[in-house]
PDB file of N, CA and C in Angstrom:
ATOM      1  N   MET A   1     -11.171  47.316 -47.254  1.00  0.00           N
ATOM      2  CA  MET A   1     -10.637  46.294 -46.369  1.00  0.00           C
ATOM      3  C   MET A   1     -11.167  44.820 -46.785  1.00  0.00           C
ATOM      4  N   SER A   2     -10.203  44.062 -46.804  1.00  0.00           N
ATOM      5  CA  SER A   2     -10.572  42.620 -47.236  1.00  0.00           C
ATOM      6  C   SER A   2     -11.233  41.916 -46.182  1.00  0.00           C
ATOM      7  N   ILE A   3     -11.835  40.760 -46.581  1.00  0.00           N
ATOM      8  CA  ILE A   3     -12.611  39.890 -45.661  1.00  0.00           C
ATOM      9  C   ILE A   3     -11.472  39.382 -44.599  1.00  0.00           C
ATOM     10  N   ASN A   4     -10.197  39.229 -44.900  1.00  0.00           N
ATOM     11  CA  ASN A   4      -9.205  38.790 -43.975  1.00  0.00           C
ATOM     12  C   ASN A   4      -9.027  39.835 -42.666  1.00  0.00           C
ATOM     13  N   TRP A   5      -9.103  40.997 -43.232  1.00  0.00           N
ATOM     14  CA  TRP A   5      -9.007  42.076 -42.057  1.00  0.00           C
ATOM     15  C   TRP A   5     -10.341  42.024 -41.119  1.00  0.00           C
ATOM     16  N   VAL A   6     -11.450  41.759 -41.535  1.00  0.00           N
ATOM     17  CA  VAL A   6     -12.697  41.523 -40.918  1.00  0.00           C
ATOM     18  C   VAL A   6     -12.550  40.522 -39.969  1.00  0.00           C
ATOM     19  N   LEU A   7     -12.116  39.331 -40.472  1.00  0.00           N
ATOM     20  CA  LEU A   7     -11.885  38.195 -39.768  1.00  0.00           C
ATOM     21  C   LEU A   7     -10.889  38.436 -38.577  1.00  0.00           C
ATOM     22  N   LEU A   8      -9.954  39.181 -38.881  1.00  0.00           N
ATOM     23  CA  LEU A   8      -8.964  39.267 -37.939  1.00  0.00           C
ATOM     24  C   LEU A   8      -9.315  40.268 -36.805  1.00  0.00           C
ATOM     25  N   ILE A   9     -10.139  41.269 -37.125  1.00  0.00           N
ATOM     26  CA  ILE A   9     -10.775  42.221 -36.101  1.00  0.00           C
ATOM     27  C   ILE A   9     -11.770  41.444 -35.158  1.00  0.00           C
ATOM     28  N   ILE A  10     -12.499  40.602 -35.743  1.00  0.00           N
ATOM     29  CA  ILE A  10     -13.496  39.839 -34.966  1.00  0.00           C
ATOM     30  C   ILE A  10     -12.722  38.663 -34.051  1.00  0.00           C
ATOM     31  N   GLY A  11     -11.784  38.221 -34.632  1.00  0.00           N
ATOM     32  CA  GLY A  11     -10.850  37.291 -33.729  1.00  0.00           C
ATOM     33  C   GLY A  11     -10.281  38.079 -32.540  1.00  0.00           C
ATOM     34  N   GLY A  12      -9.953  39.210 -33.015  1.00  0.00           N
ATOM     35  CA  GLY A  12      -9.343  40.252 -31.751  1.00  0.00           C
ATOM     36  C   GLY A  12     -10.393  40.324 -30.569  1.00  0.00           C
ATOM     37  N   VAL A  13     -11.551  40.546 -31.085  1.00  0.00           N
ATOM     38  CA  VAL A  13     -12.666  40.775 -30.084  1.00  0.00           C
ATOM     39  C   VAL A  13     -12.977  39.458 -29.270  1.00  0.00           C
ATOM     40  N   PHE A  14     -12.922  38.441 -30.002  1.00  0.00           N
ATOM     41  CA  PHE A  14     -12.897  37.172 -29.217  1.00  0.00           C
ATOM     42  C   PHE A  14     -11.854  36.856 -28.239  1.00  0.00           C
ATOM     43  N   GLU A  15     -10.574  37.418 -28.619  1.00  0.00           N
ATOM     44  CA  GLU A  15      -9.657  37.368 -27.718  1.00  0.00           C
ATOM     45  C   GLU A  15      -9.833  37.984 -26.318  1.00  0.00           C
ATOM     46  N   ALA A  16     -10.530  39.174 -26.454  1.00  0.00           N
ATOM     47  CA  ALA A  16     -10.773  39.992 -25.418  1.00  0.00           C
ATOM     48  C   ALA A  16     -11.913  39.068 -24.632  1.00  0.00           C
ATOM     49  N   GLY A  17     -12.805  38.403 -25.284  1.00  0.00           N
ATOM     50  CA  GLY A  17     -13.706  37.562 -24.709  1.00  0.00           C
ATOM     51  C   GLY A  17     -13.162  36.514 -23.837  1.00  0.00           C
ATOM     52  N   PHE A  18     -12.074  35.766 -24.202  1.00  0.00           N
ATOM     53  CA  PHE A  18     -11.462  34.891 -23.530  1.00  0.00           C
ATOM     54  C   PHE A  18     -10.779  35.449 -22.137  1.00  0.00           C
ATOM     55  N   ALA A  19     -10.218  36.615 -22.411  1.00  0.00           N
ATOM     56  CA  ALA A  19      -9.594  37.165 -21.160  1.00  0.00           C
ATOM     57  C   ALA A  19     -10.701  37.673 -20.191  1.00  0.00           C
ATOM     58  N   ILE A  20     -11.797  38.208 -20.609  1.00  0.00           N
ATOM     59  CA  ILE A  20     -12.867  38.477 -19.634  1.00  0.00           C
ATOM     60  C   ILE A  20     -13.427  37.333 -18.973  1.00  0.00           C
ATOM     61  N   SER A  21     -13.583  36.239 -19.759  1.00  0.00           N
ATOM     62  CA  SER A  21     -14.108  35.126 -19.296  1.00  0.00           C
ATOM     63  C   SER A  21     -13.266  34.423 -18.083  1.00  0.00           C
ATOM     64  N   LEU A  22     -11.892  34.603 -18.405  1.00  0.00           N
ATOM     65  CA  LEU A  22     -11.121  34.067 -17.115  1.00  0.00           C
ATOM     66  C   LEU A  22     -11.325  34.971 -15.934  1.00  0.00           C
ATOM     67  N   GLY A  23     -11.338  36.266 -16.144  1.00  0.00           N
ATOM     68  CA  GLY A  23     -11.474  37.342 -15.236  1.00  0.00           C
ATOM     69  C   GLY A  23     -12.923  37.069 -14.368  1.00  0.00           C
ATOM     70  N   LYS A  24     -13.807  36.750 -15.041  1.00  0.00           N
ATOM     71  CA  LYS A  24     -15.155  36.275 -14.443  1.00  0.00           C
ATOM     72  C   LYS A  24     -15.236  35.037 -13.758  1.00  0.00           C
ATOM     73  N   ALA A  25     -14.406  33.987 -14.320  1.00  0.00           N
ATOM     74  CA  ALA A  25     -14.306  32.716 -13.696  1.00  0.00           C
ATOM     75  C   ALA A  25     -13.623  32.855 -12.332  1.00  0.00           C
ATOM     76  N   GLN A  26     -12.774  33.665 -12.199  1.00  0.00           N
ATOM     77  CA  GLN A  26     -12.044  33.937 -10.933  1.00  0.00           C
ATOM     78  C   GLN A  26     -12.977  34.343  -9.826  1.00  0.00           C
ATOM     79  N   ASP A  27     -14.062  35.190 -10.296  1.00  0.00           N
ATOM     80  CA  ASP A  27     -14.793  35.761  -9.314  1.00  0.00           C
ATOM     81  C   ASP A  27     -15.902  34.793  -9.105  1.00  0.00           C
ATOM     82  N   SER A  28     -16.059  33.614  -9.596  1.00  0.00           N
ATOM     83  CA  SER A  28     -17.377  32.916  -9.624  1.00  0.00           C
ATOM     84  C   SER A  28     -16.977  31.614  -8.833  1.00  0.00           C
ATOM     85  N   LEU A  29     -18.060  30.903  -8.400  1.00  0.00           N
ATOM     86  CA  LEU A  29     -17.971  29.660  -7.785  1.00  0.00           C
ATOM     87  C   LEU A  29     -18.996  28.525  -8.498  1.00  0.00           C
ATOM     88  N   GLY A  30     -18.790  27.268  -8.339  1.00  0.00           N
ATOM     89  CA  GLY A  30     -19.756  26.390  -8.767  1.00  0.00           C
ATOM     90  C   GLY A  30     -19.993  26.200 -10.235  1.00  0.00           C
ATOM     91  N   LYS A  31     -21.267  26.047 -10.425  1.00  0.00           N
ATOM     92  CA  LYS A  31     -21.685  26.069 -11.845  1.00  0.00           C
ATOM     93  C   LYS A  31     -21.353  27.331 -12.868  1.00  0.00           C
ATOM     94  N   GLU A  32     -21.501  28.412 -12.082  1.00  0.00           N
ATOM     95  CA  GLU A  32     -21.113  29.755 -12.893  1.00  0.00           C
ATOM     96  C   GLU A  32     -19.746  29.770 -13.271  1.00  0.00           C
ATOM     97  N   LYS A  33     -18.747  29.207 -12.432  1.00  0.00           N
ATOM     98  CA  LYS A  33     -17.421  29.177 -12.744  1.00  0.00           C
ATOM     99  C   LYS A  33     -17.184  28.388 -13.998  1.00  0.00           C
ATOM    100  N   TRP A  34     -17.779  27.088 -13.997  1.00  0.00           N
ATOM    101  CA  TRP A  34     -17.671  26.304 -15.140  1.00  0.00           C
ATOM    102  C   TRP A  34     -18.194  26.942 -16.348  1.00  0.00           C
ATOM    103  N   MET A  35     -19.307  27.633 -16.316  1.00  0.00           N
ATOM    104  CA  MET A  35     -19.975  28.382 -17.533  1.00  0.00           C
ATOM    105  C   MET A  35     -18.988  29.260 -18.075  1.00  0.00           C
ATOM    106  N   TRP A  36     -18.321  30.157 -17.188  1.00  0.00           N
ATOM    107  CA  TRP A  36     -17.249  31.027 -17.534  1.00  0.00           C
ATOM    108  C   TRP A  36     -16.041  30.308 -18.286  1.00  0.00           C
ATOM    109  N   LEU A  37     -15.577  29.361 -17.623  1.00  0.00           N
ATOM    110  CA  LEU A  37     -14.581  28.572 -18.173  1.00  0.00           C
ATOM    111  C   LEU A  37     -14.996  27.986 -19.681  1.00  0.00           C
ATOM    112  N   ALA A  38     -16.207  27.537 -19.848  1.00  0.00           N
ATOM    113  CA  ALA A  38     -16.704  27.140 -21.154  1.00  0.00           C
ATOM    114  C   ALA A  38     -16.777  28.240 -22.102  1.00  0.00           C
ATOM    115  N   SER A  39     -17.148  29.473 -21.582  1.00  0.00           N
ATOM    116  CA  SER A  39     -17.023  30.569 -22.467  1.00  0.00           C
ATOM    117  C   SER A  39     -15.484  30.779 -22.945  1.00  0.00           C
ATOM    118  N   PHE A  40     -14.669  30.620 -21.952  1.00  0.00           N
ATOM    119  CA  PHE A  40     -13.242  30.834 -22.191  1.00  0.00           C
ATOM    120  C   PHE A  40     -12.790  29.830 -23.475  1.00  0.00           C
ATOM    121  N   ALA A  41     -13.179  28.594 -23.300  1.00  0.00           N
ATOM    122  CA  ALA A  41     -12.820  27.679 -24.241  1.00  0.00           C
ATOM    123  C   ALA A  41     -13.456  28.016 -25.804  1.00  0.00           C
ATOM    124  N   ILE A  42     -14.629  28.387 -25.730  1.00  0.00           N
ATOM    125  CA  ILE A  42     -15.235  28.692 -26.949  1.00  0.00           C
ATOM    126  C   ILE A  42     -14.559  29.919 -27.580  1.00  0.00           C
ATOM    127  N   CYS A  43     -14.405  30.990 -26.750  1.00  0.00           N
ATOM    128  CA  CYS A  43     -13.738  32.222 -27.271  1.00  0.00           C
ATOM    129  C   CYS A  43     -12.347  32.003 -27.789  1.00  0.00           C
ATOM    130  N   VAL A  44     -11.582  31.174 -27.045  1.00  0.00           N
ATOM    131  CA  VAL A  44     -10.258  30.996 -27.650  1.00  0.00           C
ATOM    132  C   VAL A  44     -10.209  30.173 -28.746  1.00  0.00           C
ATOM    133  N   SER A  45     -10.986  29.171 -28.782  1.00  0.00           N
ATOM    134  CA  SER A  45     -11.233  28.444 -30.335  1.00  0.00           C
ATOM    135  C   SER A  45     -11.559  29.328 -31.225  1.00  0.00           C
ATOM    136  N   ILE A  46     -12.678  30.110 -31.103  1.00  0.00           N
ATOM    137  CA  ILE A  46     -13.022  30.938 -32.113  1.00  0.00           C
ATOM    138  C   ILE A  46     -12.063  32.116 -32.635  1.00  0.00           C
ATOM    139  N   SER A  47     -11.330  32.683 -31.677  1.00  0.00           N
ATOM    140  CA  SER A  47     -10.280  33.700 -31.689  1.00  0.00           C
ATOM    141  C   SER A  47      -9.164  33.026 -32.451  1.00  0.00           C
ATOM    142  N   MET A  48      -8.738  31.893 -32.210  1.00  0.00           N
ATOM    143  CA  MET A  48      -7.371  31.246 -32.727  1.00  0.00           C
ATOM    144  C   MET A  48      -7.831  30.945 -34.322  1.00  0.00           C
ATOM    145  N   TYR A  49      -9.079  30.539 -34.446  1.00  0.00           N
ATOM    146  CA  TYR A  49      -9.455  30.137 -35.748  1.00  0.00           C
ATOM    147  C   TYR A  49      -9.306  31.233 -36.698  1.00  0.00           C
ATOM    148  N   LEU A  50     -10.067  32.281 -36.254  1.00  0.00           N
ATOM    149  CA  LEU A  50     -10.222  33.600 -37.011  1.00  0.00           C
ATOM    150  C   LEU A  50      -8.733  34.076 -37.336  1.00  0.00           C
ATOM    151  N   LEU A  51      -7.780  34.133 -36.353  1.00  0.00           N
ATOM    152  CA  LEU A  51      -6.436  34.476 -36.690  1.00  0.00           C
ATOM    153  C   LEU A  51      -5.720  33.655 -37.692  1.00  0.00           C
ATOM    154  N   TYR A  52      -6.078  32.335 -37.592  1.00  0.00           N
ATOM    155  CA  TYR A  52      -5.661  31.347 -38.686  1.00  0.00           C
ATOM    156  C   TYR A  52      -6.125  31.661 -39.998  1.00  0.00           C
ATOM    157  N   ARG A  53      -7.521  31.854 -40.117  1.00  0.00           N
ATOM    158  CA  ARG A  53      -8.054  32.156 -41.350  1.00  0.00           C
ATOM    159  C   ARG A  53      -7.512  33.291 -41.997  1.00  0.00           C
ATOM    160  N   SER A  54      -7.369  34.410 -41.177  1.00  0.00           N
ATOM    161  CA  SER A  54      -6.941  35.843 -41.612  1.00  0.00           C
ATOM    162  C   SER A  54      -5.457  35.805 -42.280  1.00  0.00           C
ATOM    163  N   MET A  55      -4.871  34.827 -42.003  1.00  0.00           N
ATOM    164  CA  MET A  55      -3.325  34.551 -42.537  1.00  0.00           C
ATOM    165  C   MET A  55      -3.308  33.876 -43.909  1.00  0.00           C
ATOM    166  N   GLY A  56      -4.690  33.426 -44.387  1.00  0.00           N
ATOM    167  CA  GLY A  56      -4.549  32.731 -45.582  1.00  0.00           C
ATOM    168  C   GLY A  56      -5.536  33.166 -46.726  1.00  0.00           C
ATOM    169  N   GLY A  57      -5.852  32.458 -47.694  1.00  0.00           N
ATOM    170  CA  GLY A  57      -6.879  32.866 -48.822  1.00  0.00           C
ATOM    171  C   GLY A  57      -6.013  33.611 -49.766  1.00  0.00           C
ATOM    172  N   ALA A  58      -6.905  34.405 -50.424  1.00  0.00           N
ATOM    173  CA  ALA A  58      -6.288  35.118 -51.665  1.00  0.00           C
ATOM    174  C   ALA A  58      -5.572  36.190 -51.133  1.00  0.00           C
ATOM    175  N   ARG A  59      -5.892  36.932 -50.293  1.00  0.00           N
ATOM    176  CA  ARG A  59      -5.142  38.129 -49.805  1.00  0.00           C
ATOM    177  C   ARG A  59      -4.721  38.015 -48.273  1.00  0.00           C
ATOM    178  N   PRO A  60      -3.754  37.102 -48.118  1.00  0.00           N
ATOM    179  CA  PRO A  60      -3.337  36.783 -46.764  1.00  0.00           C
ATOM    180  C   PRO A  60      -2.678  38.035 -46.041  1.00  0.00           C
ATOM    181  N   ILE A  61      -2.860  38.133 -44.761  1.00  0.00           N
ATOM    182  CA  ILE A  61      -2.253  39.107 -43.898  1.00  0.00           C
ATOM    183  C   ILE A  61      -0.920  38.373 -43.407  1.00  0.00           C
ATOM    184  N   PRO A  62       0.281  39.044 -43.407  1.00  0.00           N
ATOM    185  CA  PRO A  62       1.323  38.565 -43.090  1.00  0.00           C
ATOM    186  C   PRO A  62       1.390  38.102 -41.625  1.00  0.00           C
ATOM    187  N   VAL A  63       1.994  37.058 -41.303  1.00  0.00           N
ATOM    188  CA  VAL A  63       1.934  36.535 -39.695  1.00  0.00           C
ATOM    189  C   VAL A  63       2.202  37.582 -38.714  1.00  0.00           C
ATOM    190  N   GLY A  64       3.347  38.308 -39.009  1.00  0.00           N
ATOM    191  CA  GLY A  64       3.786  39.330 -37.966  1.00  0.00           C
ATOM    192  C   GLY A  64       2.534  40.385 -37.893  1.00  0.00           C
ATOM    193  N   THR A  65       2.335  40.853 -38.964  1.00  0.00           N
ATOM    194  CA  THR A  65       1.209  41.914 -38.666  1.00  0.00           C
ATOM    195  C   THR A  65      -0.257  41.390 -38.180  1.00  0.00           C
ATOM    196  N   ALA A  66      -0.719  40.134 -38.638  1.00  0.00           N
ATOM    197  CA  ALA A  66      -1.830  39.573 -38.122  1.00  0.00           C
ATOM    198  C   ALA A  66      -1.787  39.352 -36.550  1.00  0.00           C
ATOM    199  N   TYR A  67      -0.494  38.777 -36.057  1.00  0.00           N
ATOM    200  CA  TYR A  67      -0.600  38.639 -34.712  1.00  0.00           C
ATOM    201  C   TYR A  67      -0.373  39.769 -33.967  1.00  0.00           C
ATOM    202  N   ALA A  68       0.121  40.906 -34.397  1.00  0.00           N
ATOM    203  CA  ALA A  68       0.266  42.127 -33.664  1.00  0.00           C
ATOM    204  C   ALA A  68      -0.951  42.887 -33.694  1.00  0.00           C
ATOM    205  N   VAL A  69      -1.722  42.818 -34.730  1.00  0.00           N
ATOM    206  CA  VAL A  69      -3.042  43.353 -34.838  1.00  0.00           C
ATOM    207  C   VAL A  69      -4.084  42.734 -33.916  1.00  0.00           C
ATOM    208  N   TRP A  70      -4.147  41.248 -34.026  1.00  0.00           N
ATOM    209  CA  TRP A  70      -4.899  40.443 -33.216  1.00  0.00           C
ATOM    210  C   TRP A  70      -4.641  40.648 -31.671  1.00  0.00           C
ATOM    211  N   ALA A  71      -3.549  40.607 -31.206  1.00  0.00           N
ATOM    212  CA  ALA A  71      -3.151  40.805 -29.878  1.00  0.00           C
ATOM    213  C   ALA A  71      -3.586  42.238 -29.389  1.00  0.00           C
ATOM    214  N   GLY A  72      -3.295  43.283 -30.256  1.00  0.00           N
ATOM    215  CA  GLY A  72      -3.421  44.546 -29.861  1.00  0.00           C
ATOM    216  C   GLY A  72      -5.065  44.828 -29.939  1.00  0.00           C
ATOM    217  N   ILE A  73      -5.812  44.352 -30.617  1.00  0.00           N
ATOM    218  CA  ILE A  73      -7.342  44.461 -30.641  1.00  0.00           C
ATOM    219  C   ILE A  73      -7.778  43.868 -29.327  1.00  0.00           C
ATOM    220  N   GLY A  74      -7.249  42.590 -29.052  1.00  0.00           N
ATOM    221  CA  GLY A  74      -7.543  41.909 -27.700  1.00  0.00           C
ATOM    222  C   GLY A  74      -7.312  42.751 -26.555  1.00  0.00           C
ATOM    223  N   ALA A  75      -6.094  43.437 -26.712  1.00  0.00           N
ATOM    224  CA  ALA A  75      -5.520  44.072 -25.588  1.00  0.00           C
ATOM    225  C   ALA A  75      -6.530  45.398 -25.289  1.00  0.00           C
ATOM    226  N   VAL A  76      -6.800  46.107 -26.342  1.00  0.00           N
ATOM    227  CA  VAL A  76      -7.713  47.354 -26.144  1.00  0.00           C
ATOM    228  C   VAL A  76      -9.137  47.003 -25.640  1.00  0.00           C
ATOM    229  N   CYS A  77      -9.612  46.187 -26.392  1.00  0.00           N
ATOM    230  CA  CYS A  77     -11.026  45.539 -25.927  1.00  0.00           C
ATOM    231  C   CYS A  77     -11.042  45.160 -24.547  1.00  0.00           C
ATOM    232  N   SER A  78      -9.880  44.490 -24.013  1.00  0.00           N
ATOM    233  CA  SER A  78      -9.767  43.662 -22.720  1.00  0.00           C
ATOM    234  C   SER A  78      -9.640  45.003 -21.696  1.00  0.00           C
ATOM    235  N   VAL A  79      -8.972  46.043 -22.159  1.00  0.00           N
ATOM    236  CA  VAL A  79      -8.991  47.305 -21.279  1.00  0.00           C
ATOM    237  C   VAL A  79     -10.334  48.017 -21.055  1.00  0.00           C
ATOM    238  N   VAL A  80     -11.072  48.089 -22.228  1.00  0.00           N
ATOM    239  CA  VAL A  80     -12.261  48.869 -22.231  1.00  0.00           C
ATOM    240  C   VAL A  80     -13.170  47.968 -21.430  1.00  0.00           C
ATOM    241  N   PHE A  81     -13.391  46.655 -21.698  1.00  0.00           N
ATOM    242  CA  PHE A  81     -14.397  45.796 -21.013  1.00  0.00           C
ATOM    243  C   PHE A  81     -13.951  45.730 -19.562  1.00  0.00           C
ATOM    244  N   GLY A  82     -12.777  45.791 -19.206  1.00  0.00           N
ATOM    245  CA  GLY A  82     -12.172  45.743 -17.721  1.00  0.00           C
ATOM    246  C   GLY A  82     -12.781  47.033 -17.143  1.00  0.00           C
ATOM    247  N   ILE A  83     -12.840  48.021 -17.735  1.00  0.00           N
ATOM    248  CA  ILE A  83     -13.209  49.363 -17.242  1.00  0.00           C
ATOM    249  C   ILE A  83     -14.828  49.357 -16.993  1.00  0.00           C
ATOM    250  N   LEU A  84     -15.313  48.893 -17.931  1.00  0.00           N
ATOM    251  CA  LEU A  84     -16.926  48.714 -18.081  1.00  0.00           C
ATOM    252  C   LEU A  84     -17.338  47.640 -16.997  1.00  0.00           C
ATOM    253  N   ILE A  85     -16.835  46.386 -17.192  1.00  0.00           N
ATOM    254  CA  ILE A  85     -17.245  45.239 -16.208  1.00  0.00           C
ATOM    255  C   ILE A  85     -16.685  45.171 -14.909  1.00  0.00           C
ATOM    256  N   PHE A  86     -15.400  45.372 -14.705  1.00  0.00           N
ATOM    257  CA  PHE A  86     -14.680  45.233 -13.484  1.00  0.00           C
ATOM    258  C   PHE A  86     -14.396  46.595 -12.689  1.00  0.00           C
ATOM    259  N   ALA A  87     -15.006  47.557 -13.225  1.00  0.00           N
ATOM    260  CA  ALA A  87     -14.496  48.837 -12.549  1.00  0.00           C
ATOM    261  C   ALA A  87     -13.111  49.175 -12.421  1.00  0.00           C
ATOM    262  N   GLU A  88     -12.508  48.967 -13.464  1.00  0.00           N
ATOM    263  CA  GLU A  88     -10.887  49.247 -13.379  1.00  0.00           C
ATOM    264  C   GLU A  88     -10.759  50.826 -13.752  1.00  0.00           C
ATOM    265  N   PRO A  89      -9.707  51.355 -12.993  1.00  0.00           N
ATOM    266  CA  PRO A  89      -9.482  52.779 -13.211  1.00  0.00           C
ATOM    267  C   PRO A  89      -9.355  53.336 -14.541  1.00  0.00           C
ATOM    268  N   VAL A  90      -9.832  54.428 -14.631  1.00  0.00           N
ATOM    269  CA  VAL A  90      -9.679  55.312 -15.941  1.00  0.00           C
ATOM    270  C   VAL A  90      -8.624  56.424 -15.595  1.00  0.00           C
ATOM    271  N   THR A  91      -7.489  56.361 -16.006  1.00  0.00           N
ATOM    272  CA  THR A  91      -6.602  57.477 -15.621  1.00  0.00           C
ATOM    273  C   THR A  91      -6.198  58.150 -16.906  1.00  0.00           C
ATOM    274  N   MET A  92      -5.593  59.237 -16.952  1.00  0.00           N
ATOM    275  CA  MET A  92      -5.105  60.022 -18.130  1.00  0.00           C
ATOM    276  C   MET A  92      -4.157  59.004 -19.034  1.00  0.00           C
ATOM    277  N   TRP A  93      -3.030  58.565 -18.157  1.00  0.00           N
ATOM    278  CA  TRP A  93      -2.033  57.846 -18.685  1.00  0.00           C
ATOM    279  C   TRP A  93      -2.506  56.566 -19.432  1.00  0.00           C
ATOM    280  N   ARG A  94      -3.407  56.030 -18.832  1.00  0.00           N
ATOM    281  CA  ARG A  94      -3.862  54.651 -19.208  1.00  0.00           C
ATOM    282  C   ARG A  94      -4.585  54.999 -20.558  1.00  0.00           C
ATOM    283  N   MET A  95      -5.405  55.996 -20.734  1.00  0.00           N
ATOM    284  CA  MET A  95      -5.990  56.352 -21.964  1.00  0.00           C
ATOM    285  C   MET A  95      -5.213  56.918 -23.056  1.00  0.00           C
ATOM    286  N   ILE A  96      -4.082  57.719 -22.695  1.00  0.00           N
ATOM    287  CA  ILE A  96      -2.965  57.984 -23.667  1.00  0.00           C
ATOM    288  C   ILE A  96      -2.290  56.759 -24.215  1.00  0.00           C
ATOM    289  N   PHE A  97      -1.947  55.849 -23.525  1.00  0.00           N
ATOM    290  CA  PHE A  97      -1.099  54.717 -23.936  1.00  0.00           C
ATOM    291  C   PHE A  97      -2.166  53.798 -24.782  1.00  0.00           C
ATOM    292  N   LEU A  98      -3.439  53.748 -24.336  1.00  0.00           N
ATOM    293  CA  LEU A  98      -4.410  52.964 -25.205  1.00  0.00           C
ATOM    294  C   LEU A  98      -4.684  53.619 -26.495  1.00  0.00           C
ATOM    295  N   SER A  99      -4.654  54.927 -26.525  1.00  0.00           N
ATOM    296  CA  SER A  99      -4.855  55.737 -27.781  1.00  0.00           C
ATOM    297  C   SER A  99      -3.644  55.385 -28.655  1.00  0.00           C
ATOM    298  N   THR A 100      -2.401  55.468 -28.109  1.00  0.00           N
ATOM    299  CA  THR A 100      -1.321  55.210 -29.028  1.00  0.00           C
ATOM    300  C   THR A 100      -1.298  53.835 -29.664  1.00  0.00           C
ATOM    301  N   LEU A 101      -1.780  52.755 -28.844  1.00  0.00           N
ATOM    302  CA  LEU A 101      -1.884  51.417 -29.362  1.00  0.00           C
ATOM    303  C   LEU A 101      -2.971  51.367 -30.496  1.00  0.00           C
ATOM    304  N   VAL A 102      -3.966  52.036 -30.327  1.00  0.00           N
ATOM    305  CA  VAL A 102      -4.950  51.990 -31.259  1.00  0.00           C
ATOM    306  C   VAL A 102      -4.588  52.709 -32.597  1.00  0.00           C
ATOM    307  N   ILE A 103      -3.796  53.832 -32.398  1.00  0.00           N
ATOM    308  CA  ILE A 103      -3.153  54.515 -33.514  1.00  0.00           C
ATOM    309  C   ILE A 103      -2.130  53.574 -34.214  1.00  0.00           C
ATOM    310  N   SER A 104      -1.353  52.949 -33.546  1.00  0.00           N
ATOM    311  CA  SER A 104      -0.372  52.016 -34.087  1.00  0.00           C
ATOM    312  C   SER A 104      -1.098  50.821 -34.874  1.00  0.00           C
ATOM    313  N   LEU A 105      -2.247  50.208 -34.354  1.00  0.00           N
ATOM    314  CA  LEU A 105      -3.008  49.176 -34.941  1.00  0.00           C
ATOM    315  C   LEU A 105      -3.518  49.721 -36.385  1.00  0.00           C
ATOM    316  N   VAL A 106      -4.155  50.884 -36.377  1.00  0.00           N
ATOM    317  CA  VAL A 106      -4.633  51.440 -37.598  1.00  0.00           C
ATOM    318  C   VAL A 106      -3.392  51.643 -38.596  1.00  0.00           C
ATOM    319  N   GLY A 107      -2.337  52.187 -38.110  1.00  0.00           N
ATOM    320  CA  GLY A 107      -1.106  52.358 -38.911  1.00  0.00           C
ATOM    321  C   GLY A 107      -0.805  51.084 -39.549  1.00  0.00           C
ATOM    322  N   LEU A 108      -0.636  49.858 -38.729  1.00  0.00           N
ATOM    323  CA  LEU A 108      -0.193  48.540 -39.252  1.00  0.00           C
ATOM    324  C   LEU A 108      -1.331  48.194 -40.512  1.00  0.00           C
ATOM    325  N   GLN A 109      -2.525  48.348 -40.166  1.00  0.00           N
ATOM    326  CA  GLN A 109      -3.471  47.960 -41.246  1.00  0.00           C
ATOM    327  C   GLN A 109      -3.378  48.806 -42.588  1.00  0.00           C
ATOM    328  N   ILE A 110      -2.974  50.134 -42.443  1.00  0.00           N
ATOM    329  CA  ILE A 110      -2.819  50.970 -43.399  1.00  0.00           C
ATOM    330  C   ILE A 110      -1.627  50.596 -44.260  1.00  0.00           C
ATOM    331  N   VAL A 111      -0.505  50.246 -43.712  1.00  0.00           N
ATOM    332  CA  VAL A 111       0.745  50.038 -44.427  1.00  0.00           C
ATOM    333  C   VAL A 111       1.001  48.602 -45.038  1.00  0.00           C
ATOM    334  N   THR A 112       0.062  47.696 -44.542  1.00  0.00           N
ATOM    335  CA  THR A 112       0.021  46.126 -44.978  1.00  0.00           C
ATOM    336  C   THR A 112      -0.528  45.878 -46.234  1.00  0.00           C
ATOM    337  N   PRO A 113       0.277  45.470 -47.222  1.00  0.00           N
ATOM    338  CA  PRO A 113      -0.552  45.289 -48.558  1.00  0.00           C
ATOM    339  C   PRO A 113      -1.307  43.820 -48.401  1.00  0.00           C
ATOM    340  N   ALA A 114      -2.444  44.024 -48.116  1.00  0.00           N
ATOM    341  CA  ALA A 114      -3.458  42.744 -47.971  1.00  0.00           C
ATOM    342  C   ALA A 114      -4.885  43.124 -48.475  1.00  0.00           C
TER     343      ALA A 114
END
């Protein structure tokens, strides 16, 4: 696995971070709300920068693959964090579709020449 894939995976986790920050900001008031909004700004900046970096360098990841994997990792992490932090429901169908998303992301990584 190249450094670009590592950067992309980390960027995807930060994408989930900015989604969770927005969710927490909605549940907060005053100074706490602004701290969550600052967390959002930091996470979105890091996430976008890592997405950008993963598409360059000696072994770039194609933009379509990079974006799909980045968004997919963010989606998977957001669902998992939502279950853990916001007590969102865990249903059989939700887990089945989440599993197919993970399988698709792994498949894209396997078939992409980078």
